[in-house]
Amino acid sequence: MLAKFAKRLQRKQRIRAKISWTSSKPRLSVYRSNSNIYAQLIDDISWKTLCSSSDLKIENWNKTDKATKVGEELATKAKSLNITEIVFDRGWFAYHGRVKALADAARSIWLKF
């Protein structure tokens, strides 16, 4: 179990090292649990969360559709804050399935990665 977590942490650090962010391009951080998905826009310069969204209140959808709704909701919140460009941080999760659905939904509404 410890080796699995260490590999995940290595993956996360490797991805985070490749990301370059500024205050004009906040980071879209994604967390995926077995049943839910969470996303938030973070300004790493001031260490503040600008907006967030999750699928906790979304009912009667499958997991991929919930992720799509979360991406759309986050993109509309970012639009109200006049944020157009972001940096996508998938954490240690593969860019596949729910993570990809969230990213594609956010990209299709308003945000540029």
PDB file of N, CA and C in Angstrom:
ATOM      1  N   MET A   1       0.824  -1.194   0.000  1.00  0.00           N
ATOM      2  CA  MET A   1       0.000   0.000   0.000  1.00  0.00           C
ATOM      3  C   MET A   1       0.863   1.251   0.000  1.00  0.00           C
ATOM      4  N   LEU A   2       1.948   1.225   0.766  1.00  0.00           N
ATOM      5  CA  LEU A   2       2.823   2.380   0.835  1.00  0.00           C
ATOM      6  C   LEU A   2       3.535   2.626  -0.484  1.00  0.00           C
ATOM      7  N   ALA A   3       3.928   1.552  -1.165  1.00  0.00           N
ATOM      8  CA  ALA A   3       4.602   1.693  -2.452  1.00  0.00           C
ATOM      9  C   ALA A   3       3.651   2.289  -3.495  1.00  0.00           C
ATOM     10  N   LYS A   4       2.389   1.896  -3.440  1.00  0.00           N
ATOM     11  CA  LYS A   4       1.390   2.431  -4.371  1.00  0.00           C
ATOM     12  C   LYS A   4       1.223   3.936  -4.162  1.00  0.00           C
ATOM     13  N   PHE A   5       1.142   4.358  -2.921  1.00  0.00           N
ATOM     14  CA  PHE A   5       1.003   5.779  -2.620  1.00  0.00           C
ATOM     15  C   PHE A   5       2.251   6.558  -3.021  1.00  0.00           C
ATOM     16  N   ALA A   6       3.422   5.963  -2.809  1.00  0.00           N
ATOM     17  CA  ALA A   6       4.670   6.627  -3.183  1.00  0.00           C
ATOM     18  C   ALA A   6       4.742   6.841  -4.695  1.00  0.00           C
ATOM     19  N   LYS A   7       4.291   5.863  -5.475  1.00  0.00           N
ATOM     20  CA  LYS A   7       4.283   6.010  -6.927  1.00  0.00           C
ATOM     21  C   LYS A   7       3.294   7.077  -7.366  1.00  0.00           C
ATOM     22  N   ARG A   8       2.135   7.124  -6.709  1.00  0.00           N
ATOM     23  CA  ARG A   8       1.161   8.169  -7.013  1.00  0.00           C
ATOM     24  C   ARG A   8       1.738   9.549  -6.721  1.00  0.00           C
ATOM     25  N   LEU A   9       2.411   9.673  -5.592  1.00  0.00           N
ATOM     26  CA  LEU A   9       2.998  10.947  -5.203  1.00  0.00           C
ATOM     27  C   LEU A   9       4.088  11.369  -6.188  1.00  0.00           C
ATOM     28  N   GLN A  10       4.879  10.407  -6.654  1.00  0.00           N
ATOM     29  CA  GLN A  10       5.901  10.693  -7.655  1.00  0.00           C
ATOM     30  C   GLN A  10       5.274  11.210  -8.943  1.00  0.00           C
ATOM     31  N   ARG A  11       4.193  10.553  -9.379  1.00  0.00           N
ATOM     32  CA  ARG A  11       3.494  10.970 -10.586  1.00  0.00           C
ATOM     33  C   ARG A  11       2.959  12.391 -10.440  1.00  0.00           C
ATOM     34  N   LYS A  12       2.362  12.672  -9.279  1.00  0.00           N
ATOM     35  CA  LYS A  12       1.802  13.995  -9.017  1.00  0.00           C
ATOM     36  C   LYS A  12       2.893  15.066  -9.043  1.00  0.00           C
ATOM     37  N   GLN A  13       4.036  14.788  -8.420  1.00  0.00           N
ATOM     38  CA  GLN A  13       5.131  15.754  -8.388  1.00  0.00           C
ATOM     39  C   GLN A  13       5.739  15.965  -9.773  1.00  0.00           C
ATOM     40  N   ARG A  14       5.815  14.902 -10.565  1.00  0.00           N
ATOM     41  CA  ARG A  14       6.356  15.013 -11.915  1.00  0.00           C
ATOM     42  C   ARG A  14       5.454  15.888 -12.787  1.00  0.00           C
ATOM     43  N   ILE A  15       4.144  15.696 -12.655  1.00  0.00           N
ATOM     44  CA  ILE A  15       3.190  16.493 -13.423  1.00  0.00           C
ATOM     45  C   ILE A  15       3.212  17.938 -12.955  1.00  0.00           C
ATOM     46  N   ARG A  16       3.235  18.154 -11.643  1.00  0.00           N
ATOM     47  CA  ARG A  16       3.226  19.505 -11.088  1.00  0.00           C
ATOM     48  C   ARG A  16       4.489  20.269 -11.470  1.00  0.00           C
ATOM     49  N   ALA A  17       5.621  19.570 -11.632  1.00  0.00           N
ATOM     50  CA  ALA A  17       6.868  20.224 -12.010  1.00  0.00           C
ATOM     51  C   ALA A  17       6.821  20.732 -13.454  1.00  0.00           C
ATOM     52  N   LYS A  18       6.043  20.075 -14.303  1.00  0.00           N
ATOM     53  CA  LYS A  18       5.947  20.470 -15.704  1.00  0.00           C
ATOM     54  C   LYS A  18       4.987  21.641 -15.916  1.00  0.00           C
ATOM     55  N   ILE A  19       4.133  21.889 -14.940  1.00  0.00           N
ATOM     56  CA  ILE A  19       3.137  22.951 -15.063  1.00  0.00           C
ATOM     57  C   ILE A  19       3.771  24.282 -14.690  1.00  0.00           C
ATOM     58  N   SER A  20       3.568  25.272 -15.545  1.00  0.00           N
ATOM     59  CA  SER A  20       4.003  26.629 -15.199  1.00  0.00           C
ATOM     60  C   SER A  20       2.755  27.494 -15.119  1.00  0.00           C
ATOM     61  N   TRP A  21       2.532  28.099 -13.976  1.00  0.00           N
ATOM     62  CA  TRP A  21       1.334  28.895 -13.783  1.00  0.00           C
ATOM     63  C   TRP A  21       1.703  30.296 -13.336  1.00  0.00           C
ATOM     64  N   THR A  22       0.795  31.207 -13.589  1.00  0.00           N
ATOM     65  CA  THR A  22       0.936  32.585 -13.149  1.00  0.00           C
ATOM     66  C   THR A  22      -0.388  33.000 -12.535  1.00  0.00           C
ATOM     67  N   SER A  23      -0.461  34.213 -12.025  1.00  0.00           N
ATOM     68  CA  SER A  23      -1.716  34.658 -11.445  1.00  0.00           C
ATOM     69  C   SER A  23      -2.768  34.894 -12.527  1.00  0.00           C
ATOM     70  N   SER A  24      -2.332  35.154 -13.769  1.00  0.00           N
ATOM     71  CA  SER A  24      -3.296  35.323 -14.849  1.00  0.00           C
ATOM     72  C   SER A  24      -3.795  33.982 -15.395  1.00  0.00           C
ATOM     73  N   LYS A  25      -3.068  32.894 -15.118  1.00  0.00           N
ATOM     74  CA  LYS A  25      -3.482  31.559 -15.547  1.00  0.00           C
ATOM     75  C   LYS A  25      -3.571  30.657 -14.317  1.00  0.00           C
ATOM     76  N   PRO A  26      -4.721  30.613 -13.670  1.00  0.00           N
ATOM     77  CA  PRO A  26      -4.853  29.764 -12.491  1.00  0.00           C
ATOM     78  C   PRO A  26      -4.826  28.279 -12.865  1.00  0.00           C
ATOM     79  N   ARG A  27      -4.660  27.450 -11.866  1.00  0.00           N
ATOM     80  CA  ARG A  27      -4.539  26.007 -12.049  1.00  0.00           C
ATOM     81  C   ARG A  27      -5.888  25.351 -11.798  1.00  0.00           C
ATOM     82  N   LEU A  28      -6.338  24.515 -12.731  1.00  0.00           N
ATOM     83  CA  LEU A  28      -7.552  23.722 -12.562  1.00  0.00           C
ATOM     84  C   LEU A  28      -7.132  22.376 -11.994  1.00  0.00           C
ATOM     85  N   SER A  29      -7.383  22.182 -10.712  1.00  0.00           N
ATOM     86  CA  SER A  29      -6.995  20.961 -10.027  1.00  0.00           C
ATOM     87  C   SER A  29      -8.187  20.014  -9.962  1.00  0.00           C
ATOM     88  N   VAL A  30      -7.946  18.746 -10.298  1.00  0.00           N
ATOM     89  CA  VAL A  30      -9.008  17.740 -10.329  1.00  0.00           C
ATOM     90  C   VAL A  30      -8.703  16.656  -9.310  1.00  0.00           C
ATOM     91  N   TYR A  31      -9.728  16.271  -8.537  1.00  0.00           N
ATOM     92  CA  TYR A  31      -9.615  15.124  -7.656  1.00  0.00           C
ATOM     93  C   TYR A  31     -10.772  14.182  -7.962  1.00  0.00           C
ATOM     94  N   ARG A  32     -10.453  12.920  -8.127  1.00  0.00           N
ATOM     95  CA  ARG A  32     -11.456  11.912  -8.474  1.00  0.00           C
ATOM     96  C   ARG A  32     -11.446  10.824  -7.418  1.00  0.00           C
ATOM     97  N   SER A  33     -12.580  10.645  -6.748  1.00  0.00           N
ATOM     98  CA  SER A  33     -12.711   9.522  -5.832  1.00  0.00           C
ATOM     99  C   SER A  33     -13.465   8.407  -6.557  1.00  0.00           C
ATOM    100  N   ASN A  34     -13.761   7.329  -5.862  1.00  0.00           N
ATOM    101  CA  ASN A  34     -14.481   6.236  -6.506  1.00  0.00           C
ATOM    102  C   ASN A  34     -15.896   6.630  -6.907  1.00  0.00           C
ATOM    103  N   SER A  35     -16.511   7.513  -6.142  1.00  0.00           N
ATOM    104  CA  SER A  35     -17.901   7.858  -6.420  1.00  0.00           C
ATOM    105  C   SER A  35     -18.113   9.298  -6.858  1.00  0.00           C
ATOM    106  N   ASN A  36     -17.191  10.212  -6.584  1.00  0.00           N
ATOM    107  CA  ASN A  36     -17.392  11.627  -6.879  1.00  0.00           C
ATOM    108  C   ASN A  36     -16.181  12.218  -7.589  1.00  0.00           C
ATOM    109  N   ILE A  37     -16.378  13.422  -8.123  1.00  0.00           N
ATOM    110  CA  ILE A  37     -15.289  14.161  -8.748  1.00  0.00           C
ATOM    111  C   ILE A  37     -15.379  15.610  -8.293  1.00  0.00           C
ATOM    112  N   TYR A  38     -14.226  16.197  -8.030  1.00  0.00           N
ATOM    113  CA  TYR A  38     -14.136  17.563  -7.533  1.00  0.00           C
ATOM    114  C   TYR A  38     -13.146  18.328  -8.407  1.00  0.00           C
ATOM    115  N   ALA A  39     -13.428  19.606  -8.630  1.00  0.00           N
ATOM    116  CA  ALA A  39     -12.522  20.451  -9.404  1.00  0.00           C
ATOM    117  C   ALA A  39     -12.512  21.837  -8.789  1.00  0.00           C
ATOM    118  N   GLN A  40     -11.345  22.471  -8.828  1.00  0.00           N
ATOM    119  CA  GLN A  40     -11.247  23.831  -8.315  1.00  0.00           C
ATOM    120  C   GLN A  40     -10.193  24.614  -9.080  1.00  0.00           C
ATOM    121  N   LEU A  41     -10.431  25.898  -9.202  1.00  0.00           N
ATOM    122  CA  LEU A  41      -9.465  26.810  -9.793  1.00  0.00           C
ATOM    123  C   LEU A  41      -8.683  27.460  -8.670  1.00  0.00           C
ATOM    124  N   ILE A  42      -7.360  27.335  -8.736  1.00  0.00           N
ATOM    125  CA  ILE A  42      -6.492  27.794  -7.655  1.00  0.00           C
ATOM    126  C   ILE A  42      -5.511  28.826  -8.197  1.00  0.00           C
ATOM    127  N   ASP A  43      -5.402  29.942  -7.493  1.00  0.00           N
ATOM    128  CA  ASP A  43      -4.374  30.940  -7.775  1.00  0.00           C
ATOM    129  C   ASP A  43      -3.195  30.612  -6.867  1.00  0.00           C
ATOM    130  N   ASP A  44      -2.124  30.063  -7.430  1.00  0.00           N
ATOM    131  CA  ASP A  44      -0.999  29.590  -6.625  1.00  0.00           C
ATOM    132  C   ASP A  44      -0.099  30.716  -6.139  1.00  0.00           C
ATOM    133  N   ILE A  45      -0.216  31.883  -6.727  1.00  0.00           N
ATOM    134  CA  ILE A  45       0.588  33.005  -6.265  1.00  0.00           C
ATOM    135  C   ILE A  45       0.077  33.494  -4.910  1.00  0.00           C
ATOM    136  N   SER A  46      -1.250  33.665  -4.797  1.00  0.00           N
ATOM    137  CA  SER A  46      -1.831  34.127  -3.533  1.00  0.00           C
ATOM    138  C   SER A  46      -2.363  32.979  -2.678  1.00  0.00           C
ATOM    139  N   TRP A  47      -2.253  31.750  -3.130  1.00  0.00           N
ATOM    140  CA  TRP A  47      -2.678  30.548  -2.417  1.00  0.00           C
ATOM    141  C   TRP A  47      -4.158  30.595  -2.061  1.00  0.00           C
ATOM    142  N   LYS A  48      -4.991  30.942  -3.038  1.00  0.00           N
ATOM    143  CA  LYS A  48      -6.431  31.030  -2.806  1.00  0.00           C
ATOM    144  C   LYS A  48      -7.174  30.233  -3.851  1.00  0.00           C
ATOM    145  N   THR A  49      -8.293  29.648  -3.428  1.00  0.00           N
ATOM    146  CA  THR A  49      -9.189  28.973  -4.346  1.00  0.00           C
ATOM    147  C   THR A  49     -10.147  30.002  -4.918  1.00  0.00           C
ATOM    148  N   LEU A  50     -10.171  30.121  -6.241  1.00  0.00           N
ATOM    149  CA  LEU A  50     -11.019  31.120  -6.885  1.00  0.00           C
ATOM    150  C   LEU A  50     -12.456  30.637  -7.015  1.00  0.00           C
ATOM    151  N   CYS A  51     -12.643  29.406  -7.443  1.00  0.00           N
ATOM    152  CA  CYS A  51     -13.977  28.803  -7.499  1.00  0.00           C
ATOM    153  C   CYS A  51     -13.821  27.292  -7.526  1.00  0.00           C
ATOM    154  N   SER A  52     -14.883  26.615  -7.165  1.00  0.00           N
ATOM    155  CA  SER A  52     -14.828  25.154  -7.121  1.00  0.00           C
ATOM    156  C   SER A  52     -16.174  24.577  -7.529  1.00  0.00           C
ATOM    157  N   SER A  53     -16.157  23.299  -7.831  1.00  0.00           N
ATOM    158  CA  SER A  53     -17.372  22.602  -8.221  1.00  0.00           C
ATOM    159  C   SER A  53     -17.196  21.115  -7.930  1.00  0.00           C
ATOM    160  N   SER A  54     -18.303  20.469  -7.616  1.00  0.00           N
ATOM    161  CA  SER A  54     -18.268  19.017  -7.381  1.00  0.00           C
ATOM    162  C   SER A  54     -19.600  18.422  -7.815  1.00  0.00           C
ATOM    163  N   ASP A  55     -19.650  17.102  -7.839  1.00  0.00           N
ATOM    164  CA  ASP A  55     -20.876  16.430  -8.265  1.00  0.00           C
ATOM    165  C   ASP A  55     -21.713  15.942  -7.085  1.00  0.00           C
ATOM    166  N   LEU A  56     -21.506  16.496  -5.919  1.00  0.00           N
ATOM    167  CA  LEU A  56     -22.227  16.036  -4.736  1.00  0.00           C
ATOM    168  C   LEU A  56     -23.727  16.301  -4.817  1.00  0.00           C
ATOM    169  N   LYS A  57     -24.127  17.367  -5.495  1.00  0.00           N
ATOM    170  CA  LYS A  57     -25.541  17.719  -5.565  1.00  0.00           C
ATOM    171  C   LYS A  57     -26.204  17.272  -6.863  1.00  0.00           C
ATOM    172  N   ILE A  58     -25.458  16.648  -7.740  1.00  0.00           N
ATOM    173  CA  ILE A  58     -26.005  16.180  -9.011  1.00  0.00           C
ATOM    174  C   ILE A  58     -26.584  14.788  -8.802  1.00  0.00           C
ATOM    175  N   GLU A  59     -27.833  14.616  -9.169  1.00  0.00           N
ATOM    176  CA  GLU A  59     -28.528  13.345  -8.948  1.00  0.00           C
ATOM    177  C   GLU A  59     -28.823  12.639 -10.271  1.00  0.00           C
ATOM    178  N   ASN A  60     -28.939  11.319 -10.209  1.00  0.00           N
ATOM    179  CA  ASN A  60     -29.443  10.479 -11.297  1.00  0.00           C
ATOM    180  C   ASN A  60     -28.668  10.611 -12.603  1.00  0.00           C
ATOM    181  N   TRP A  61     -27.372  10.607 -12.532  1.00  0.00           N
ATOM    182  CA  TRP A  61     -26.518  10.616 -13.706  1.00  0.00           C
ATOM    183  C   TRP A  61     -25.446   9.547 -13.511  1.00  0.00           C
ATOM    184  N   ASN A  62     -24.865   9.095 -14.623  1.00  0.00           N
ATOM    185  CA  ASN A  62     -23.719   8.215 -14.449  1.00  0.00           C
ATOM    186  C   ASN A  62     -22.478   9.058 -14.178  1.00  0.00           C
ATOM    187  N   LYS A  63     -21.379   8.439 -13.836  1.00  0.00           N
ATOM    188  CA  LYS A  63     -20.202   9.166 -13.369  1.00  0.00           C
ATOM    189  C   LYS A  63     -19.607  10.078 -14.435  1.00  0.00           C
ATOM    190  N   THR A  64     -19.575   9.637 -15.683  1.00  0.00           N
ATOM    191  CA  THR A  64     -18.993  10.452 -16.747  1.00  0.00           C
ATOM    192  C   THR A  64     -19.858  11.681 -17.013  1.00  0.00           C
ATOM    193  N   ASP A  65     -21.167  11.507 -16.996  1.00  0.00           N
ATOM    194  CA  ASP A  65     -22.052  12.657 -17.197  1.00  0.00           C
ATOM    195  C   ASP A  65     -21.956  13.639 -16.034  1.00  0.00           C
ATOM    196  N   LYS A  66     -21.776  13.133 -14.827  1.00  0.00           N
ATOM    197  CA  LYS A  66     -21.569  14.016 -13.678  1.00  0.00           C
ATOM    198  C   LYS A  66     -20.300  14.838 -13.853  1.00  0.00           C
ATOM    199  N   ALA A  67     -19.232  14.209 -14.338  1.00  0.00           N
ATOM    200  CA  ALA A  67     -17.973  14.918 -14.563  1.00  0.00           C
ATOM    201  C   ALA A  67     -18.145  15.996 -15.623  1.00  0.00           C
ATOM    202  N   THR A  68     -18.929  15.712 -16.649  1.00  0.00           N
ATOM    203  CA  THR A  68     -19.208  16.702 -17.680  1.00  0.00           C
ATOM    204  C   THR A  68     -19.944  17.894 -17.087  1.00  0.00           C
ATOM    205  N   LYS A  69     -20.943  17.633 -16.258  1.00  0.00           N
ATOM    206  CA  LYS A  69     -21.696  18.717 -15.613  1.00  0.00           C
ATOM    207  C   LYS A  69     -20.790  19.556 -14.708  1.00  0.00           C
ATOM    208  N   VAL A  70     -19.881  18.908 -13.991  1.00  0.00           N
ATOM    209  CA  VAL A  70     -18.945  19.631 -13.119  1.00  0.00           C
ATOM    210  C   VAL A  70     -18.050  20.541 -13.955  1.00  0.00           C
ATOM    211  N   GLY A  71     -17.556  20.051 -15.082  1.00  0.00           N
ATOM    212  CA  GLY A  71     -16.721  20.863 -15.965  1.00  0.00           C
ATOM    213  C   GLY A  71     -17.469  22.059 -16.513  1.00  0.00           C
ATOM    214  N   GLU A  72     -18.717  21.855 -16.906  1.00  0.00           N
ATOM    215  CA  GLU A  72     -19.524  22.960 -17.420  1.00  0.00           C
ATOM    216  C   GLU A  72     -19.791  23.994 -16.328  1.00  0.00           C
ATOM    217  N   GLU A  73     -20.122  23.519 -15.130  1.00  0.00           N
ATOM    218  CA  GLU A  73     -20.398  24.429 -14.013  1.00  0.00           C
ATOM    219  C   GLU A  73     -19.161  25.242 -13.640  1.00  0.00           C
ATOM    220  N   LEU A  74     -18.018  24.591 -13.612  1.00  0.00           N
ATOM    221  CA  LEU A  74     -16.782  25.300 -13.278  1.00  0.00           C
ATOM    222  C   LEU A  74     -16.428  26.331 -14.352  1.00  0.00           C
ATOM    223  N   ALA A  75     -16.661  25.994 -15.608  1.00  0.00           N
ATOM    224  CA  ALA A  75     -16.369  26.927 -16.697  1.00  0.00           C
ATOM    225  C   ALA A  75     -17.272  28.161 -16.626  1.00  0.00           C
ATOM    226  N   THR A  76     -18.534  27.987 -16.270  1.00  0.00           N
ATOM    227  CA  THR A  76     -19.421  29.144 -16.152  1.00  0.00           C
ATOM    228  C   THR A  76     -19.036  30.011 -14.953  1.00  0.00           C
ATOM    229  N   LYS A  77     -18.591  29.381 -13.866  1.00  0.00           N
ATOM    230  CA  LYS A  77     -18.108  30.161 -12.718  1.00  0.00           C
ATOM    231  C   LYS A  77     -16.845  30.942 -13.089  1.00  0.00           C
ATOM    232  N   ALA A  78     -15.960  30.302 -13.854  1.00  0.00           N
ATOM    233  CA  ALA A  78     -14.731  30.982 -14.280  1.00  0.00           C
ATOM    234  C   ALA A  78     -15.061  32.129 -15.230  1.00  0.00           C
ATOM    235  N   LYS A  79     -16.073  31.944 -16.060  1.00  0.00           N
ATOM    236  CA  LYS A  79     -16.487  33.002 -16.978  1.00  0.00           C
ATOM    237  C   LYS A  79     -16.979  34.218 -16.205  1.00  0.00           C
ATOM    238  N   SER A  80     -17.696  33.990 -15.106  1.00  0.00           N
ATOM    239  CA  SER A  80     -18.180  35.108 -14.306  1.00  0.00           C
ATOM    240  C   SER A  80     -17.033  35.836 -13.600  1.00  0.00           C
ATOM    241  N   LEU A  81     -15.897  35.159 -13.403  1.00  0.00           N
ATOM    242  CA  LEU A  81     -14.713  35.784 -12.804  1.00  0.00           C
ATOM    243  C   LEU A  81     -13.751  36.344 -13.856  1.00  0.00           C
ATOM    244  N   ASN A  82     -14.162  36.309 -15.137  1.00  0.00           N
ATOM    245  CA  ASN A  82     -13.357  36.785 -16.270  1.00  0.00           C
ATOM    246  C   ASN A  82     -12.040  36.024 -16.407  1.00  0.00           C
ATOM    247  N   ILE A  83     -12.084  34.735 -16.193  1.00  0.00           N
ATOM    248  CA  ILE A  83     -10.922  33.863 -16.382  1.00  0.00           C
ATOM    249  C   ILE A  83     -11.113  33.125 -17.699  1.00  0.00           C
ATOM    250  N   THR A  84     -10.154  33.269 -18.623  1.00  0.00           N
ATOM    251  CA  THR A  84     -10.273  32.616 -19.925  1.00  0.00           C
ATOM    252  C   THR A  84      -9.223  31.538 -20.133  1.00  0.00           C
ATOM    253  N   GLU A  85      -8.043  31.704 -19.544  1.00  0.00           N
ATOM    254  CA  GLU A  85      -6.969  30.732 -19.734  1.00  0.00           C
ATOM    255  C   GLU A  85      -6.595  30.109 -18.399  1.00  0.00           C
ATOM    256  N   ILE A  86      -6.404  28.797 -18.411  1.00  0.00           N
ATOM    257  CA  ILE A  86      -6.034  28.069 -17.201  1.00  0.00           C
ATOM    258  C   ILE A  86      -4.933  27.069 -17.526  1.00  0.00           C
ATOM    259  N   VAL A  87      -4.403  26.474 -16.474  1.00  0.00           N
ATOM    260  CA  VAL A  87      -3.455  25.365 -16.594  1.00  0.00           C
ATOM    261  C   VAL A  87      -4.123  24.153 -15.967  1.00  0.00           C
ATOM    262  N   PHE A  88      -4.178  23.045 -16.701  1.00  0.00           N
ATOM    263  CA  PHE A  88      -4.884  21.856 -16.231  1.00  0.00           C
ATOM    264  C   PHE A  88      -3.938  20.971 -15.420  1.00  0.00           C
ATOM    265  N   ASP A  89      -4.339  20.658 -14.193  1.00  0.00           N
ATOM    266  CA  ASP A  89      -3.560  19.796 -13.301  1.00  0.00           C
ATOM    267  C   ASP A  89      -4.406  18.568 -12.977  1.00  0.00           C
ATOM    268  N   ARG A  90      -4.059  17.441 -13.581  1.00  0.00           N
ATOM    269  CA  ARG A  90      -4.837  16.227 -13.381  1.00  0.00           C
ATOM    270  C   ARG A  90      -4.402  15.456 -12.136  1.00  0.00           C
ATOM    271  N   GLY A  91      -3.380  15.945 -11.450  1.00  0.00           N
ATOM    272  CA  GLY A  91      -2.896  15.247 -10.259  1.00  0.00           C
ATOM    273  C   GLY A  91      -2.250  13.938 -10.642  1.00  0.00           C
ATOM    274  N   TRP A  92      -2.558  12.871  -9.914  1.00  0.00           N
ATOM    275  CA  TRP A  92      -1.979  11.572 -10.262  1.00  0.00           C
ATOM    276  C   TRP A  92      -2.929  10.720 -11.085  1.00  0.00           C
ATOM    277  N   PHE A  93      -4.032  11.314 -11.550  1.00  0.00           N
ATOM    278  CA  PHE A  93      -5.039  10.569 -12.301  1.00  0.00           C
ATOM    279  C   PHE A  93      -4.725  10.602 -13.793  1.00  0.00           C
ATOM    280  N   ALA A  94      -5.018   9.503 -14.458  1.00  0.00           N
ATOM    281  CA  ALA A  94      -4.794   9.416 -15.903  1.00  0.00           C
ATOM    282  C   ALA A  94      -5.789  10.314 -16.628  1.00  0.00           C
ATOM    283  N   TYR A  95      -5.340  10.905 -17.737  1.00  0.00           N
ATOM    284  CA  TYR A  95      -6.218  11.747 -18.543  1.00  0.00           C
ATOM    285  C   TYR A  95      -7.085  10.825 -19.397  1.00  0.00           C
ATOM    286  N   HIS A  96      -8.117  10.289 -18.758  1.00  0.00           N
ATOM    287  CA  HIS A  96      -8.972   9.290 -19.387  1.00  0.00           C
ATOM    288  C   HIS A  96     -10.276   9.230 -18.610  1.00  0.00           C
ATOM    289  N   GLY A  97     -11.350   8.934 -19.273  1.00  0.00           N
ATOM    290  CA  GLY A  97     -12.622   8.733 -18.593  1.00  0.00           C
ATOM    291  C   GLY A  97     -13.201  10.011 -18.013  1.00  0.00           C
ATOM    292  N   ARG A  98     -13.426  10.006 -16.691  1.00  0.00           N
ATOM    293  CA  ARG A  98     -14.070  11.149 -16.038  1.00  0.00           C
ATOM    294  C   ARG A  98     -13.208  12.393 -16.042  1.00  0.00           C
ATOM    295  N   VAL A  99     -11.896  12.244 -15.908  1.00  0.00           N
ATOM    296  CA  VAL A  99     -11.006  13.406 -15.912  1.00  0.00           C
ATOM    297  C   VAL A  99     -11.026  14.063 -17.295  1.00  0.00           C
ATOM    298  N   LYS A 100     -11.002  13.253 -18.335  1.00  0.00           N
ATOM    299  CA  LYS A 100     -11.053  13.780 -19.698  1.00  0.00           C
ATOM    300  C   LYS A 100     -12.404  14.424 -19.983  1.00  0.00           C
ATOM    301  N   ALA A 101     -13.495  13.823 -19.492  1.00  0.00           N
ATOM    302  CA  ALA A 101     -14.829  14.389 -19.702  1.00  0.00           C
ATOM    303  C   ALA A 101     -14.951  15.759 -19.051  1.00  0.00           C
ATOM    304  N   LEU A 102     -14.410  15.898 -17.848  1.00  0.00           N
ATOM    305  CA  LEU A 102     -14.429  17.187 -17.158  1.00  0.00           C
ATOM    306  C   LEU A 102     -13.632  18.223 -17.943  1.00  0.00           C
ATOM    307  N   ALA A 103     -12.450  17.856 -18.398  1.00  0.00           N
ATOM    308  CA  ALA A 103     -11.595  18.787 -19.138  1.00  0.00           C
ATOM    309  C   ALA A 103     -12.240  19.193 -20.463  1.00  0.00           C
ATOM    310  N   ASP A 104     -12.810  18.242 -21.179  1.00  0.00           N
ATOM    311  CA  ASP A 104     -13.446  18.555 -22.461  1.00  0.00           C
ATOM    312  C   ASP A 104     -14.658  19.460 -22.282  1.00  0.00           C
ATOM    313  N   ALA A 105     -15.422  19.240 -21.220  1.00  0.00           N
ATOM    314  CA  ALA A 105     -16.593  20.088 -20.965  1.00  0.00           C
ATOM    315  C   ALA A 105     -16.167  21.508 -20.627  1.00  0.00           C
ATOM    316  N   ALA A 106     -15.136  21.648 -19.806  1.00  0.00           N
ATOM    317  CA  ALA A 106     -14.651  22.984 -19.455  1.00  0.00           C
ATOM    318  C   ALA A 106     -14.075  23.685 -20.685  1.00  0.00           C
ATOM    319  N   ARG A 107     -13.410  22.939 -21.526  1.00  0.00           N
ATOM    320  CA  ARG A 107     -12.810  23.503 -22.729  1.00  0.00           C
ATOM    321  C   ARG A 107     -13.882  23.906 -23.745  1.00  0.00           C
ATOM    322  N   SER A 108     -14.938  23.121 -23.843  1.00  0.00           N
ATOM    323  CA  SER A 108     -15.968  23.406 -24.845  1.00  0.00           C
ATOM    324  C   SER A 108     -16.806  24.623 -24.479  1.00  0.00           C
ATOM    325  N   ILE A 109     -16.957  24.916 -23.207  1.00  0.00           N
ATOM    326  CA  ILE A 109     -17.774  26.055 -22.792  1.00  0.00           C
ATOM    327  C   ILE A 109     -17.010  27.360 -22.966  1.00  0.00           C
ATOM    328  N   TRP A 110     -15.833  27.485 -22.338  1.00  0.00           N
ATOM    329  CA  TRP A 110     -15.229  28.806 -22.279  1.00  0.00           C
ATOM    330  C   TRP A 110     -13.709  28.779 -22.130  1.00  0.00           C
ATOM    331  N   LEU A 111     -13.188  27.843 -21.375  1.00  0.00           N
ATOM    332  CA  LEU A 111     -11.795  27.908 -20.951  1.00  0.00           C
ATOM    333  C   LEU A 111     -10.824  27.416 -22.025  1.00  0.00           C
ATOM    334  N   LYS A 112      -9.630  28.016 -22.034  1.00  0.00           N
ATOM    335  CA  LYS A 112      -8.543  27.585 -22.906  1.00  0.00           C
ATOM    336  C   LYS A 112      -7.456  26.981 -22.026  1.00  0.00           C
ATOM    337  N   PHE A 113      -6.969  25.837 -22.431  1.00  0.00           N
ATOM    338  CA  PHE A 113      -5.892  25.171 -21.676  1.00  0.00           C
ATOM    339  C   PHE A 113      -4.573  25.474 -22.341  1.00  0.00           C
TER     340      PHE A 113
END
